[in-house]
Amino acid sequence: MKKSISALFFCCTFMSLVVTAENVFFIRLNIDENCIELGEFNNVLQKEVKEILPANEEFDLSVKRFEKYLENKISPDEPASILFFLHAMWGSNNWFVKSQVIDFSESYIHDPENPIDYVFYILWDTKAITYEANKNNSLQSSALLNRLFSILYAINPDDNYNYNLMCHCMGNKIFFDLLESEHYEKRLFDHVILAAPDINKDKLTGEQLLKNLEVISGKCHILYNKNDGLLMLSSIRNFYKPLGLHPDISIAEKHSNIEFINCSFLTDNNRFPSSVTGHLYYSTSIATKRKIKSILSSQVY
């Protein structure tokens, strides 16, 4: 009898670890090897690399290999809506990745009302202990992210794929680094969602950055929470006002493609640790996820 109970307990425990990560993949910006890795999650959410694109590889070859990888996952004959997610500090740690993959799978992929068909979790190295070390890694990752953007531009000539981007907290630093330094000439994403951006609010006034943001995205949505505890700590450490804590609403009045969404008064953000920090509401608040889905369902012209 005891053996049967033990066997049943083991079976239930194992089954709880087996999670369907269907249509959720990952892209790793590997700064150590200077390459882009493409892969997927197995049934216990371990990462399995399927393709490696060295940064020094001929660009056209990388485009062809990426396109072939996509075609093996997504039918090129049917339009597909894809969400790219750029995580925050410590967001590449396995425990966090697993929780996010489960959330994307349950809240987006398997929701019949969800407009997203596929999610690509963009991993960058944030396993350092200190804020400064992770910040430096974010800046080093920007060149690989820009190469990824160039590849996405190249493989989407007929609009078979509909791209959207969501950045969280420090992940916004990588994106903003590109907006400040690169020159984009056409749209890549229908929607860009900046969740709790740990970015100096003054950066959003830069002429080059705003121009690039207007070009690369059809619409930019900035989620902020004036009770975000982690961004309060960031403001003390960095001596600036984070955009996700101190929104400059006047920017939206001057630029019609930018909107601010107030998440300061959520009543359903009660899942730990966000219930304490007020920082992960894009994932823990049902109301916020409902708003994100509404955004991703809307068309931009």
C-alpha atoms as a PDB file:
ATOM      1  CA  MET A   1       0.000   0.000   0.000  1.00  0.00           C
ATOM      2  CA  LYS A   2       2.808   2.387   0.944  1.00  0.00           C
ATOM      3  CA  LYS A   3       4.582   1.578  -2.335  1.00  0.00           C
ATOM      4  CA  SER A   4       1.420   2.372  -4.269  1.00  0.00           C
ATOM      5  CA  ILE A   5       1.018   5.702  -2.478  1.00  0.00           C
ATOM      6  CA  SER A   6       4.688   6.542  -3.101  1.00  0.00           C
ATOM      7  CA  ALA A   7       4.367   5.640  -6.764  1.00  0.00           C
ATOM      8  CA  LEU A   8       1.239   7.766  -7.075  1.00  0.00           C
ATOM      9  CA  PHE A   9       2.965  10.696  -5.349  1.00  0.00           C
ATOM     10  CA  PHE A  10       5.980  10.385  -7.669  1.00  0.00           C
ATOM     11  CA  CYS A  11       3.739  10.231 -10.729  1.00  0.00           C
ATOM     12  CA  CYS A  12       1.771  13.324  -9.688  1.00  0.00           C
ATOM     13  CA  THR A  13       4.971  15.211  -8.884  1.00  0.00           C
ATOM     14  CA  PHE A  14       6.466  14.314 -12.254  1.00  0.00           C
ATOM     15  CA  MET A  15       3.320  15.276 -14.116  1.00  0.00           C
ATOM     16  CA  SER A  16       3.306  18.659 -12.381  1.00  0.00           C
ATOM     17  CA  LEU A  17       6.756  19.294 -13.840  1.00  0.00           C
ATOM     18  CA  VAL A  18       5.745  18.395 -17.376  1.00  0.00           C
ATOM     19  CA  VAL A  19       4.490  21.551 -19.001  1.00  0.00           C
ATOM     20  CA  THR A  20       3.461  22.151 -22.556  1.00  0.00           C
ATOM     21  CA  ALA A  21       5.677  24.855 -24.021  1.00  0.00           C
ATOM     22  CA  GLU A  22       4.089  24.527 -27.430  1.00  0.00           C
ATOM     23  CA  ASN A  23       4.658  27.623 -29.588  1.00  0.00           C
ATOM     24  CA  VAL A  24       6.990  29.198 -26.989  1.00  0.00           C
ATOM     25  CA  PHE A  25      10.619  29.288 -28.158  1.00  0.00           C
ATOM     26  CA  PHE A  26      13.767  31.127 -27.166  1.00  0.00           C
ATOM     27  CA  ILE A  27      16.411  33.286 -28.790  1.00  0.00           C
ATOM     28  CA  ARG A  28      19.615  33.730 -26.792  1.00  0.00           C
ATOM     29  CA  LEU A  29      21.924  36.704 -27.293  1.00  0.00           C
ATOM     30  CA  ASN A  30      25.167  34.957 -26.349  1.00  0.00           C
ATOM     31  CA  ILE A  31      27.767  37.686 -25.746  1.00  0.00           C
ATOM     32  CA  ASP A  32      30.425  35.179 -24.623  1.00  0.00           C
ATOM     33  CA  GLU A  33      30.366  33.332 -27.954  1.00  0.00           C
ATOM     34  CA  ASN A  34      29.191  36.376 -29.948  1.00  0.00           C
ATOM     35  CA  CYS A  35      26.306  34.527 -31.546  1.00  0.00           C
ATOM     36  CA  ILE A  36      22.536  34.220 -31.633  1.00  0.00           C
ATOM     37  CA  GLU A  37      21.140  30.874 -30.474  1.00  0.00           C
ATOM     38  CA  LEU A  38      17.716  29.604 -31.520  1.00  0.00           C
ATOM     39  CA  GLY A  39      16.017  26.906 -29.513  1.00  0.00           C
ATOM     40  CA  GLU A  40      13.005  25.467 -27.778  1.00  0.00           C
ATOM     41  CA  PHE A  41      11.903  24.139 -24.402  1.00  0.00           C
ATOM     42  CA  ASN A  42      11.372  20.438 -23.758  1.00  0.00           C
ATOM     43  CA  ASN A  43       8.548  19.017 -21.635  1.00  0.00           C
ATOM     44  CA  VAL A  44      10.356  19.883 -18.386  1.00  0.00           C
ATOM     45  CA  LEU A  45      11.243  23.348 -19.704  1.00  0.00           C
ATOM     46  CA  GLN A  46      14.929  22.715 -20.224  1.00  0.00           C
ATOM     47  CA  LYS A  47      16.429  24.764 -23.048  1.00  0.00           C
ATOM     48  CA  GLU A  48      17.556  22.911 -26.169  1.00  0.00           C
ATOM     49  CA  VAL A  49      19.601  24.874 -28.712  1.00  0.00           C
ATOM     50  CA  LYS A  50      18.672  23.983 -32.293  1.00  0.00           C
ATOM     51  CA  GLU A  51      20.566  26.562 -34.340  1.00  0.00           C
ATOM     52  CA  ILE A  52      23.564  28.852 -33.782  1.00  0.00           C
ATOM     53  CA  LEU A  53      24.089  32.004 -35.850  1.00  0.00           C
ATOM     54  CA  PRO A  54      27.597  33.471 -35.310  1.00  0.00           C
ATOM     55  CA  ALA A  55      27.727  37.265 -35.489  1.00  0.00           C
ATOM     56  CA  ASN A  56      30.649  37.075 -37.927  1.00  0.00           C
ATOM     57  CA  GLU A  57      28.740  34.765 -40.262  1.00  0.00           C
ATOM     58  CA  GLU A  58      27.750  36.107 -43.677  1.00  0.00           C
ATOM     59  CA  PHE A  59      24.504  38.000 -43.082  1.00  0.00           C
ATOM     60  CA  ASP A  60      22.538  36.447 -45.957  1.00  0.00           C
ATOM     61  CA  LEU A  61      23.415  32.982 -44.684  1.00  0.00           C
ATOM     62  CA  SER A  62      22.152  33.850 -41.189  1.00  0.00           C
ATOM     63  CA  VAL A  63      18.921  35.138 -42.726  1.00  0.00           C
ATOM     64  CA  LYS A  64      18.401  31.899 -44.671  1.00  0.00           C
ATOM     65  CA  ARG A  65      19.116  29.746 -41.615  1.00  0.00           C
ATOM     66  CA  PHE A  66      16.800  31.778 -39.392  1.00  0.00           C
ATOM     67  CA  GLU A  67      14.083  31.687 -42.029  1.00  0.00           C
ATOM     68  CA  LYS A  68      14.420  27.920 -42.383  1.00  0.00           C
ATOM     69  CA  TYR A  69      14.196  27.546 -38.605  1.00  0.00           C
ATOM     70  CA  LEU A  70      11.004  29.618 -38.556  1.00  0.00           C
ATOM     71  CA  GLU A  71       9.470  27.641 -41.419  1.00  0.00           C
ATOM     72  CA  ASN A  72      10.062  24.423 -39.463  1.00  0.00           C
ATOM     73  CA  LYS A  73       8.040  25.890 -36.597  1.00  0.00           C
ATOM     74  CA  ILE A  74       5.593  28.170 -38.369  1.00  0.00           C
ATOM     75  CA  SER A  75       3.833  27.586 -41.656  1.00  0.00           C
ATOM     76  CA  PRO A  76       5.033  30.276 -44.088  1.00  0.00           C
ATOM     77  CA  ASP A  77       1.740  29.994 -45.984  1.00  0.00           C
ATOM     78  CA  GLU A  78      -0.378  31.325 -43.131  1.00  0.00           C
ATOM     79  CA  PRO A  79       0.092  34.727 -41.444  1.00  0.00           C
ATOM     80  CA  ALA A  80       1.336  34.363 -37.870  1.00  0.00           C
ATOM     81  CA  SER A  81       1.391  36.859 -35.010  1.00  0.00           C
ATOM     82  CA  ILE A  82       4.631  36.656 -33.021  1.00  0.00           C
ATOM     83  CA  LEU A  83       5.492  38.256 -29.675  1.00  0.00           C
ATOM     84  CA  PHE A  84       9.174  38.793 -28.848  1.00  0.00           C
ATOM     85  CA  PHE A  85       9.789  39.224 -25.118  1.00  0.00           C
ATOM     86  CA  LEU A  86      12.935  40.927 -23.781  1.00  0.00           C
ATOM     87  CA  HIS A  87      13.247  40.137 -20.075  1.00  0.00           C
ATOM     88  CA  ALA A  88      14.549  42.124 -17.101  1.00  0.00           C
ATOM     89  CA  MET A  89      17.496  41.699 -14.737  1.00  0.00           C
ATOM     90  CA  TRP A  90      17.833  38.089 -13.548  1.00  0.00           C
ATOM     91  CA  GLY A  91      15.223  37.140 -16.145  1.00  0.00           C
ATOM     92  CA  SER A  92      17.597  34.594 -17.706  1.00  0.00           C
ATOM     93  CA  ASN A  93      17.745  32.510 -14.523  1.00  0.00           C
ATOM     94  CA  ASN A  94      16.153  29.126 -15.061  1.00  0.00           C
ATOM     95  CA  TRP A  95      13.506  29.454 -12.338  1.00  0.00           C
ATOM     96  CA  PHE A  96      12.266  32.749 -13.779  1.00  0.00           C
ATOM     97  CA  VAL A  97      12.363  31.535 -17.385  1.00  0.00           C
ATOM     98  CA  LYS A  98      10.278  28.492 -16.463  1.00  0.00           C
ATOM     99  CA  SER A  99       7.664  30.585 -14.655  1.00  0.00           C
ATOM    100  CA  GLN A 100       7.416  32.968 -17.607  1.00  0.00           C
ATOM    101  CA  VAL A 101       7.181  30.190 -20.197  1.00  0.00           C
ATOM    102  CA  ILE A 102       4.339  28.639 -18.208  1.00  0.00           C
ATOM    103  CA  ASP A 103       2.609  32.018 -17.995  1.00  0.00           C
ATOM    104  CA  PHE A 104       3.008  32.772 -21.710  1.00  0.00           C
ATOM    105  CA  SER A 105       1.772  29.299 -22.566  1.00  0.00           C
ATOM    106  CA  GLU A 106      -1.275  29.415 -20.294  1.00  0.00           C
ATOM    107  CA  SER A 107      -2.205  33.099 -20.577  1.00  0.00           C
ATOM    108  CA  TYR A 108      -1.477  33.670 -24.238  1.00  0.00           C
ATOM    109  CA  ILE A 109      -0.902  30.625 -26.437  1.00  0.00           C
ATOM    110  CA  HIS A 110      -3.695  28.477 -24.978  1.00  0.00           C
ATOM    111  CA  ASP A 111      -6.175  31.308 -24.501  1.00  0.00           C
ATOM    112  CA  PRO A 112      -8.692  31.116 -27.387  1.00  0.00           C
ATOM    113  CA  GLU A 113      -9.120  34.892 -27.290  1.00  0.00           C
ATOM    114  CA  ASN A 114      -5.388  35.530 -27.466  1.00  0.00           C
ATOM    115  CA  PRO A 115      -4.158  37.240 -30.656  1.00  0.00           C
ATOM    116  CA  ILE A 116      -0.617  35.829 -30.358  1.00  0.00           C
ATOM    117  CA  ASP A 117       0.301  32.581 -32.099  1.00  0.00           C
ATOM    118  CA  TYR A 118       3.937  32.282 -31.017  1.00  0.00           C
ATOM    119  CA  VAL A 119       6.216  33.710 -28.321  1.00  0.00           C
ATOM    120  CA  PHE A 120       9.987  34.065 -28.623  1.00  0.00           C
ATOM    121  CA  TYR A 121      11.665  34.622 -25.266  1.00  0.00           C
ATOM    122  CA  ILE A 122      14.809  36.692 -25.943  1.00  0.00           C
ATOM    123  CA  LEU A 123      17.441  35.629 -23.423  1.00  0.00           C
ATOM    124  CA  TRP A 124      20.420  37.794 -22.522  1.00  0.00           C
ATOM    125  CA  ASP A 125      22.970  37.267 -19.768  1.00  0.00           C
ATOM    126  CA  THR A 126      21.553  38.624 -16.497  1.00  0.00           C
ATOM    127  CA  LYS A 127      22.912  36.061 -14.049  1.00  0.00           C
ATOM    128  CA  ALA A 128      25.390  38.455 -12.420  1.00  0.00           C
ATOM    129  CA  ILE A 129      24.660  39.385  -8.815  1.00  0.00           C
ATOM    130  CA  THR A 130      25.089  43.149  -9.061  1.00  0.00           C
ATOM    131  CA  TYR A 131      22.963  45.699 -10.884  1.00  0.00           C
ATOM    132  CA  GLU A 132      25.993  47.275 -12.562  1.00  0.00           C
ATOM    133  CA  ALA A 133      27.281  43.968 -13.983  1.00  0.00           C
ATOM    134  CA  ASN A 134      23.865  43.135 -15.445  1.00  0.00           C
ATOM    135  CA  LYS A 135      23.544  46.662 -16.819  1.00  0.00           C
ATOM    136  CA  ASN A 136      26.908  46.243 -18.597  1.00  0.00           C
ATOM    137  CA  ASN A 137      25.712  42.911 -20.024  1.00  0.00           C
ATOM    138  CA  SER A 138      22.597  44.616 -21.349  1.00  0.00           C
ATOM    139  CA  LEU A 139      24.701  47.164 -23.235  1.00  0.00           C
ATOM    140  CA  GLN A 140      26.981  44.443 -24.614  1.00  0.00           C
ATOM    141  CA  SER A 141      23.899  42.565 -25.861  1.00  0.00           C
ATOM    142  CA  SER A 142      22.610  45.453 -27.973  1.00  0.00           C
ATOM    143  CA  ALA A 143      24.764  44.609 -31.028  1.00  0.00           C
ATOM    144  CA  LEU A 144      23.357  41.070 -31.160  1.00  0.00           C
ATOM    145  CA  LEU A 145      19.820  42.393 -30.697  1.00  0.00           C
ATOM    146  CA  ASN A 146      20.361  44.792 -33.582  1.00  0.00           C
ATOM    147  CA  ARG A 147      21.570  41.888 -35.747  1.00  0.00           C
ATOM    148  CA  LEU A 148      18.430  39.990 -34.783  1.00  0.00           C
ATOM    149  CA  PHE A 149      16.314  42.985 -35.821  1.00  0.00           C
ATOM    150  CA  SER A 150      18.164  43.127 -39.157  1.00  0.00           C
ATOM    151  CA  ILE A 151      17.439  39.441 -39.738  1.00  0.00           C
ATOM    152  CA  LEU A 152      13.752  39.938 -38.907  1.00  0.00           C
ATOM    153  CA  TYR A 153      13.579  42.823 -41.364  1.00  0.00           C
ATOM    154  CA  ALA A 154      15.120  40.632 -44.057  1.00  0.00           C
ATOM    155  CA  ILE A 155      12.808  37.630 -43.685  1.00  0.00           C
ATOM    156  CA  ASN A 156       9.537  39.556 -43.590  1.00  0.00           C
ATOM    157  CA  PRO A 157       9.209  41.026 -47.094  1.00  0.00           C
ATOM    158  CA  ASP A 158       5.655  39.809 -47.694  1.00  0.00           C
ATOM    159  CA  ASP A 159       4.234  40.429 -44.227  1.00  0.00           C
ATOM    160  CA  ASN A 160       3.735  36.710 -43.590  1.00  0.00           C
ATOM    161  CA  TYR A 161       4.754  37.308 -39.994  1.00  0.00           C
ATOM    162  CA  ASN A 162       3.298  39.961 -37.733  1.00  0.00           C
ATOM    163  CA  TYR A 163       5.894  41.057 -35.149  1.00  0.00           C
ATOM    164  CA  ASN A 164       5.313  42.581 -31.701  1.00  0.00           C
ATOM    165  CA  LEU A 165       7.853  43.368 -28.967  1.00  0.00           C
ATOM    166  CA  MET A 166       7.499  43.544 -25.187  1.00  0.00           C
ATOM    167  CA  CYS A 167      10.394  44.696 -22.981  1.00  0.00           C
ATOM    168  CA  HIS A 168      10.431  44.531 -19.184  1.00  0.00           C
ATOM    169  CA  CYS A 169      12.460  46.714 -16.801  1.00  0.00           C
ATOM    170  CA  MET A 170      16.195  46.479 -17.642  1.00  0.00           C
ATOM    171  CA  GLY A 171      15.375  44.793 -20.941  1.00  0.00           C
ATOM    172  CA  ASN A 172      14.307  48.260 -22.062  1.00  0.00           C
ATOM    173  CA  LYS A 173      17.933  49.429 -21.723  1.00  0.00           C
ATOM    174  CA  ILE A 174      19.003  47.189 -24.613  1.00  0.00           C
ATOM    175  CA  PHE A 175      16.156  48.410 -26.795  1.00  0.00           C
ATOM    176  CA  PHE A 176      16.749  52.077 -25.939  1.00  0.00           C
ATOM    177  CA  ASP A 177      20.458  51.705 -26.649  1.00  0.00           C
ATOM    178  CA  LEU A 178      19.542  50.768 -30.225  1.00  0.00           C
ATOM    179  CA  LEU A 179      17.000  53.575 -30.512  1.00  0.00           C
ATOM    180  CA  GLU A 180      19.717  56.055 -29.540  1.00  0.00           C
ATOM    181  CA  SER A 181      22.498  54.684 -31.740  1.00  0.00           C
ATOM    182  CA  GLU A 182      20.933  53.121 -34.852  1.00  0.00           C
ATOM    183  CA  HIS A 183      18.972  54.506 -37.787  1.00  0.00           C
ATOM    184  CA  TYR A 184      15.770  52.649 -38.723  1.00  0.00           C
ATOM    185  CA  GLU A 185      13.937  53.353 -41.956  1.00  0.00           C
ATOM    186  CA  LYS A 186      10.815  51.204 -41.777  1.00  0.00           C
ATOM    187  CA  ARG A 187       8.453  49.513 -39.355  1.00  0.00           C
ATOM    188  CA  LEU A 188       9.417  46.212 -37.779  1.00  0.00           C
ATOM    189  CA  PHE A 189       6.852  45.823 -34.970  1.00  0.00           C
ATOM    190  CA  ASP A 190       3.140  46.549 -34.987  1.00  0.00           C
ATOM    191  CA  HIS A 191       3.149  47.077 -31.226  1.00  0.00           C
ATOM    192  CA  VAL A 192       5.995  47.778 -28.802  1.00  0.00           C
ATOM    193  CA  ILE A 193       5.090  47.382 -25.117  1.00  0.00           C
ATOM    194  CA  LEU A 194       7.488  48.866 -22.562  1.00  0.00           C
ATOM    195  CA  ALA A 195       6.574  47.351 -19.180  1.00  0.00           C
ATOM    196  CA  ALA A 196       8.024  49.013 -16.052  1.00  0.00           C
ATOM    197  CA  PRO A 197      10.925  50.510 -18.040  1.00  0.00           C
ATOM    198  CA  ASP A 198      14.031  51.107 -15.915  1.00  0.00           C
ATOM    199  CA  ILE A 199      15.079  53.980 -18.148  1.00  0.00           C
ATOM    200  CA  ASN A 200      15.789  57.600 -17.305  1.00  0.00           C
ATOM    201  CA  LYS A 201      12.554  59.379 -18.266  1.00  0.00           C
ATOM    202  CA  ASP A 202      14.617  62.138 -19.898  1.00  0.00           C
ATOM    203  CA  LYS A 203      15.832  59.703 -22.571  1.00  0.00           C
ATOM    204  CA  LEU A 204      12.367  59.685 -24.095  1.00  0.00           C
ATOM    205  CA  THR A 205      12.849  63.306 -25.108  1.00  0.00           C
ATOM    206  CA  GLY A 206      15.801  62.525 -27.393  1.00  0.00           C
ATOM    207  CA  GLU A 207      15.046  63.488 -30.992  1.00  0.00           C
ATOM    208  CA  GLN A 208      16.851  60.518 -32.595  1.00  0.00           C
ATOM    209  CA  LEU A 209      15.309  58.052 -30.141  1.00  0.00           C
ATOM    210  CA  LEU A 210      11.779  59.328 -30.693  1.00  0.00           C
ATOM    211  CA  LYS A 211      12.239  59.286 -34.451  1.00  0.00           C
ATOM    212  CA  ASN A 212      13.466  55.679 -34.393  1.00  0.00           C
ATOM    213  CA  LEU A 213      10.671  54.649 -32.048  1.00  0.00           C
ATOM    214  CA  GLU A 214       8.096  56.173 -34.378  1.00  0.00           C
ATOM    215  CA  VAL A 215       9.619  54.382 -37.377  1.00  0.00           C
ATOM    216  CA  ILE A 216      10.255  50.925 -35.900  1.00  0.00           C
ATOM    217  CA  SER A 217       6.859  50.564 -34.188  1.00  0.00           C
ATOM    218  CA  GLY A 218       3.315  51.197 -35.268  1.00  0.00           C
ATOM    219  CA  LYS A 219       2.344  52.048 -31.703  1.00  0.00           C
ATOM    220  CA  CYS A 220       4.333  52.209 -28.457  1.00  0.00           C
ATOM    221  CA  HIS A 221       2.589  51.461 -25.156  1.00  0.00           C
ATOM    222  CA  ILE A 222       4.363  52.367 -21.895  1.00  0.00           C
ATOM    223  CA  LEU A 223       3.097  50.598 -18.759  1.00  0.00           C
ATOM    224  CA  TYR A 224       3.903  52.347 -15.486  1.00  0.00           C
ATOM    225  CA  ASN A 225       3.184  51.884 -11.797  1.00  0.00           C
ATOM    226  CA  LYS A 226       3.831  54.750  -9.386  1.00  0.00           C
ATOM    227  CA  ASN A 227       4.024  52.177  -6.569  1.00  0.00           C
ATOM    228  CA  ASP A 228       6.744  50.062  -8.210  1.00  0.00           C
ATOM    229  CA  GLY A 229       9.106  49.267  -5.328  1.00  0.00           C
ATOM    230  CA  LEU A 230      12.001  47.988  -7.444  1.00  0.00           C
ATOM    231  CA  LEU A 231      11.999  51.081  -9.634  1.00  0.00           C
ATOM    232  CA  MET A 232      12.017  53.182  -6.462  1.00  0.00           C
ATOM    233  CA  LEU A 233      15.253  51.424  -5.503  1.00  0.00           C
ATOM    234  CA  SER A 234      16.582  52.000  -9.019  1.00  0.00           C
ATOM    235  CA  SER A 235      15.845  55.730  -8.771  1.00  0.00           C
ATOM    236  CA  ILE A 236      17.858  55.917  -5.544  1.00  0.00           C
ATOM    237  CA  ARG A 237      20.752  53.935  -6.976  1.00  0.00           C
ATOM    238  CA  ASN A 238      20.918  55.610 -10.386  1.00  0.00           C
ATOM    239  CA  PHE A 239      19.975  59.166  -9.390  1.00  0.00           C
ATOM    240  CA  TYR A 240      17.347  59.392 -12.114  1.00  0.00           C
ATOM    241  CA  LYS A 241      13.593  59.082 -12.464  1.00  0.00           C
ATOM    242  CA  PRO A 242      12.694  55.749 -14.121  1.00  0.00           C
ATOM    243  CA  LEU A 243      10.170  56.020 -16.925  1.00  0.00           C
ATOM    244  CA  GLY A 244       8.127  53.161 -15.420  1.00  0.00           C
ATOM    245  CA  LEU A 245       7.759  55.144 -12.186  1.00  0.00           C
ATOM    246  CA  HIS A 246       7.656  58.743 -13.440  1.00  0.00           C
ATOM    247  CA  PRO A 247       5.834  58.841 -16.791  1.00  0.00           C
ATOM    248  CA  ASP A 248       6.098  61.965 -18.902  1.00  0.00           C
ATOM    249  CA  ILE A 249       2.526  62.111 -20.168  1.00  0.00           C
ATOM    250  CA  SER A 250       3.262  65.236 -22.208  1.00  0.00           C
ATOM    251  CA  ILE A 251       5.275  63.061 -24.632  1.00  0.00           C
ATOM    252  CA  ALA A 252       2.074  61.272 -25.671  1.00  0.00           C
ATOM    253  CA  GLU A 253       0.410  64.611 -26.336  1.00  0.00           C
ATOM    254  CA  LYS A 254       3.122  65.439 -28.885  1.00  0.00           C
ATOM    255  CA  HIS A 255       3.532  61.962 -30.393  1.00  0.00           C
ATOM    256  CA  SER A 256       0.355  60.126 -31.370  1.00  0.00           C
ATOM    257  CA  ASN A 257       2.132  56.762 -31.669  1.00  0.00           C
ATOM    258  CA  ILE A 258       2.983  56.741 -27.932  1.00  0.00           C
ATOM    259  CA  GLU A 259       0.553  56.059 -25.111  1.00  0.00           C
ATOM    260  CA  PHE A 260       0.993  55.670 -21.349  1.00  0.00           C
ATOM    261  CA  ILE A 261      -1.006  53.075 -19.420  1.00  0.00           C
ATOM    262  CA  ASN A 262      -1.453  53.596 -15.673  1.00  0.00           C
ATOM    263  CA  CYS A 263      -1.099  50.361 -13.695  1.00  0.00           C
ATOM    264  CA  SER A 264      -0.771  52.081 -10.304  1.00  0.00           C
ATOM    265  CA  PHE A 265      -4.152  51.078  -8.899  1.00  0.00           C
ATOM    266  CA  LEU A 266      -4.368  47.374  -9.715  1.00  0.00           C
ATOM    267  CA  THR A 267      -6.462  45.306  -7.311  1.00  0.00           C
ATOM    268  CA  ASP A 268      -5.469  41.896  -8.660  1.00  0.00           C
ATOM    269  CA  ASN A 269      -1.679  42.182  -8.498  1.00  0.00           C
ATOM    270  CA  ASN A 270      -1.557  39.859  -5.502  1.00  0.00           C
ATOM    271  CA  ARG A 271       0.814  37.096  -6.599  1.00  0.00           C
ATOM    272  CA  PHE A 272       4.177  36.983  -4.834  1.00  0.00           C
ATOM    273  CA  PRO A 273       6.638  38.636  -5.338  1.00  0.00           C
ATOM    274  CA  SER A 274       4.771  41.290  -7.332  1.00  0.00           C
ATOM    275  CA  SER A 275       2.317  41.717  -4.453  1.00  0.00           C
ATOM    276  CA  VAL A 276       5.286  43.102  -2.502  1.00  0.00           C
ATOM    277  CA  THR A 277       7.354  44.792  -5.210  1.00  0.00           C
ATOM    278  CA  GLY A 278       4.589  45.952  -7.556  1.00  0.00           C
ATOM    279  CA  HIS A 279       6.961  45.206 -10.428  1.00  0.00           C
ATOM    280  CA  LEU A 280       5.809  42.108 -12.335  1.00  0.00           C
ATOM    281  CA  TYR A 281       2.256  43.264 -13.000  1.00  0.00           C
ATOM    282  CA  TYR A 282       2.571  42.592 -16.744  1.00  0.00           C
ATOM    283  CA  SER A 283       2.628  38.908 -15.750  1.00  0.00           C
ATOM    284  CA  THR A 284       0.810  38.669 -12.405  1.00  0.00           C
ATOM    285  CA  SER A 285      -2.168  40.979 -12.961  1.00  0.00           C
ATOM    286  CA  ILE A 286      -5.068  39.549 -14.945  1.00  0.00           C
ATOM    287  CA  ALA A 287      -6.342  43.060 -15.669  1.00  0.00           C
ATOM    288  CA  THR A 288      -2.964  44.096 -17.112  1.00  0.00           C
ATOM    289  CA  LYS A 289      -2.716  40.958 -19.241  1.00  0.00           C
ATOM    290  CA  ARG A 290      -6.220  41.616 -20.508  1.00  0.00           C
ATOM    291  CA  LYS A 291      -5.085  45.099 -21.511  1.00  0.00           C
ATOM    292  CA  ILE A 292      -1.973  43.716 -23.232  1.00  0.00           C
ATOM    293  CA  LYS A 293      -4.102  41.266 -25.208  1.00  0.00           C
ATOM    294  CA  SER A 294      -6.389  44.101 -26.219  1.00  0.00           C
ATOM    295  CA  ILE A 295      -3.361  46.036 -27.444  1.00  0.00           C
ATOM    296  CA  LEU A 296      -2.022  43.104 -29.424  1.00  0.00           C
ATOM    297  CA  SER A 297      -5.464  42.535 -30.980  1.00  0.00           C
ATOM    298  CA  SER A 298      -5.699  46.068 -32.317  1.00  0.00           C
ATOM    299  CA  GLN A 299      -4.563  46.998 -35.788  1.00  0.00           C
ATOM    300  CA  VAL A 300      -2.146  49.792 -36.561  1.00  0.00           C
ATOM    301  CA  TYR A 301      -1.837  51.567 -39.867  1.00  0.00           C
END
